[in-house]
Protein backbone atom coordinates (compact mmCIF):
# COMPACT_ATOMS: atom_id res chain seq x y z
CA MET A 1 30.03 45.33 71.82
CA ARG A 2 29.02 46.84 68.29
CA GLY A 3 31.35 49.69 67.10
CA PRO A 4 29.31 52.98 65.44
CA ARG A 5 26.64 52.56 63.46
CA VAL A 6 27.52 54.15 59.93
CA ILE A 7 24.34 56.09 58.00
CA SER A 8 24.29 55.78 54.47
CA PRO A 9 25.16 59.66 52.96
CA LEU A 10 22.16 59.59 51.50
CA LEU A 11 20.08 58.98 54.54
CA THR A 12 21.81 62.25 55.61
CA ASN A 13 21.80 64.28 53.06
CA GLU A 14 19.29 67.57 52.95
CA ARG A 15 19.23 69.11 49.79
CA GLY A 16 15.86 68.00 48.94
CA LEU A 17 15.06 66.64 45.89
CA SER A 18 15.76 68.39 42.21
CA LEU A 19 13.45 70.30 39.85
CA ALA A 20 14.12 67.45 37.30
CA GLU A 21 13.71 64.67 39.66
CA ILE A 22 9.81 65.90 40.79
CA LEU A 23 8.91 66.10 36.86
CA VAL A 24 10.08 62.69 36.24
CA ALA A 25 8.27 62.12 39.57
CA ALA A 26 4.60 63.73 38.16
CA VAL A 27 5.07 61.78 34.46
CA ILE A 28 5.08 58.70 35.94
CA VAL A 29 1.89 59.81 38.32
CA THR A 30 0.30 61.04 35.07
CA ILE A 31 0.57 57.65 33.21
CA GLY A 32 0.20 55.60 35.76
CA LEU A 33 -3.83 57.81 36.42
CA THR A 34 -4.58 57.51 32.59
CA ALA A 35 -3.99 54.28 32.48
CA ILE A 36 -6.23 54.07 35.48
CA ALA A 37 -8.61 56.38 33.85
CA GLY A 38 -8.95 54.17 30.79
CA GLY A 39 -9.67 51.15 32.96
CA PHE A 40 -12.65 52.44 33.90
CA GLN A 41 -14.50 53.57 30.87
CA TYR A 42 -13.45 50.57 29.45
CA ALA A 43 -15.61 49.04 32.55
CA LEU A 44 -18.28 51.37 32.11
CA SER A 45 -18.82 50.44 28.42
CA GLY A 46 -19.04 47.10 29.41
CA ILE A 47 -22.17 47.45 31.97
CA GLU A 48 -23.70 49.34 30.06
CA VAL A 49 -23.54 46.85 26.83
CA GLY A 50 -24.54 44.04 29.64
CA LYS A 51 -27.28 46.39 30.84
CA LYS A 52 -28.97 46.52 27.38
CA GLN A 53 -28.20 42.70 26.23
CA SER A 54 -29.47 42.36 29.66
CA THR A 55 -32.92 44.32 29.22
CA ALA A 56 -33.32 43.00 24.85
CA ALA A 57 -33.12 39.21 26.62
CA PHE A 58 -35.98 40.70 29.21
CA LEU A 59 -38.18 41.81 26.60
CA ALA A 60 -37.41 38.78 24.09
CA GLU A 61 -39.33 36.65 27.45
CA GLN A 62 -41.77 39.02 27.74
CA LYS A 63 -43.06 38.75 24.08
CA LEU A 64 -42.73 35.23 24.39
CA GLU A 65 -44.53 33.84 27.91
CA GLN A 66 -47.64 36.38 25.94
CA ILE A 67 -47.76 34.51 22.46
CA ARG A 68 -47.56 31.62 25.00
CA ALA A 69 -50.36 32.66 26.93
CA ASP A 70 -52.08 33.54 23.62
CA ALA A 71 -51.40 29.76 22.27
CA LEU A 72 -53.14 28.33 25.74
CA ALA A 73 -56.15 30.38 25.32
CA ASN A 74 -56.28 29.54 21.97
CA TYR A 75 -54.29 28.10 19.67
CA SER A 76 -55.78 27.79 16.55
CA ALA A 77 -56.65 31.64 16.27
CA MET A 78 -52.98 33.30 18.01
CA PRO A 79 -53.16 37.07 16.52
CA ALA A 80 -50.05 37.91 14.14
CA TYR A 81 -47.52 40.20 16.38
CA PRO A 82 -46.17 43.17 14.55
CA ALA A 83 -42.91 44.65 14.22
CA GLU A 84 -42.21 47.03 16.95
CA ALA A 85 -40.31 49.55 15.95
CA TYR A 86 -37.07 51.82 18.11
CA GLY A 87 -39.77 53.99 20.41
CA ALA A 88 -42.65 52.14 20.23
CA ILE A 89 -42.38 49.43 23.48
CA THR A 90 -43.00 51.57 26.52
CA GLY A 91 -40.29 52.69 28.10
CA TYR A 92 -37.95 51.01 26.23
CA LEU A 93 -37.06 53.77 23.28
CA ASN A 94 -33.96 52.24 22.84
CA HIS A 95 -35.22 48.71 21.80
CA ARG A 96 -37.32 47.21 19.07
CA ARG A 97 -38.51 43.77 18.62
CA THR A 98 -40.04 40.81 15.76
CA VAL A 99 -41.75 37.63 16.11
CA THR A 100 -41.46 34.74 13.94
CA ILE A 101 -44.12 32.20 13.59
CA THR A 102 -43.61 29.19 11.50
CA THR A 103 -46.16 26.65 11.20
CA ASP A 104 -45.08 23.18 11.24
CA PRO A 105 -41.81 23.64 10.93
CA PRO A 106 -38.94 20.40 9.58
CA GLY A 107 -39.57 17.55 12.17
CA ALA A 108 -41.59 19.11 13.98
CA THR A 109 -45.30 18.34 13.50
CA ASN A 110 -48.36 19.89 15.10
CA THR A 111 -46.33 22.84 16.52
CA LYS A 112 -45.30 25.88 16.13
CA ARG A 113 -42.23 27.54 16.19
CA ILE A 114 -42.01 30.95 17.82
CA GLN A 115 -38.63 33.23 17.08
CA VAL A 116 -38.23 36.38 19.41
CA SER A 117 -35.84 39.00 18.53
CA VAL A 118 -34.63 42.50 20.14
CA PHE A 119 -32.05 44.59 18.62
CA TYR A 120 -30.54 47.36 20.24
CA ASN A 121 -27.52 49.90 19.52
CA LEU A 122 -25.12 50.45 21.75
CA THR A 123 -22.79 53.97 21.36
CA GLY A 124 -19.36 54.08 20.73
CA SER A 125 -16.35 56.52 21.99
CA TYR A 126 -16.88 60.00 21.21
CA GLY A 127 -21.09 58.94 20.45
CA THR A 128 -20.43 57.07 17.00
CA ALA A 129 -22.78 54.48 16.66
CA LEU A 130 -22.29 51.07 16.89
CA PRO A 131 -23.52 47.71 14.66
CA GLU A 132 -26.80 46.92 15.99
CA ARG A 133 -26.81 44.20 18.26
CA GLU A 134 -29.69 41.24 18.59
CA VAL A 135 -30.74 38.67 21.08
CA ARG A 136 -33.49 35.96 20.09
CA ILE A 137 -34.87 33.29 22.10
CA ASP A 138 -36.57 30.45 20.00
CA ALA A 139 -39.19 28.51 21.24
CA LEU A 140 -41.89 25.69 19.98
CA VAL A 141 -45.36 25.41 20.89
CA ALA A 142 -47.59 22.30 20.83
CA GLN A 143 -51.36 22.19 20.80
CA ARG A 144 -52.27 20.37 23.37
CA SER A 145 -54.57 17.21 23.09
């Protein structure tokens, strides 16, 4: 048979929590919530960077496909592709695009090297502008025989 159970005095104490204990708990909870809020801000900025980079890659691929179609239609008389400034690409006001075509680049005769660059800006914390970023795609196009 067991003897009488001894209950800890801490469990039978009904006096509650002191003001100091409540303040310490509040400070700990506040620090934790602040850290979580900072993590959310960091995650949201990462999502925005990824979105703009994906958009830039899409715009570069889009222009490259247009150039390939032009090359397929008439390789020798491909048109010039002027630079598109910020606001010039319909629906993508925060991106700009440049195209460089090099005829017969070193080591590749009877070809054209196509370089499509798309630039975009990011905004840092408190609205500060960050350096311009670039997505670049290079391709070689050869004339069909």
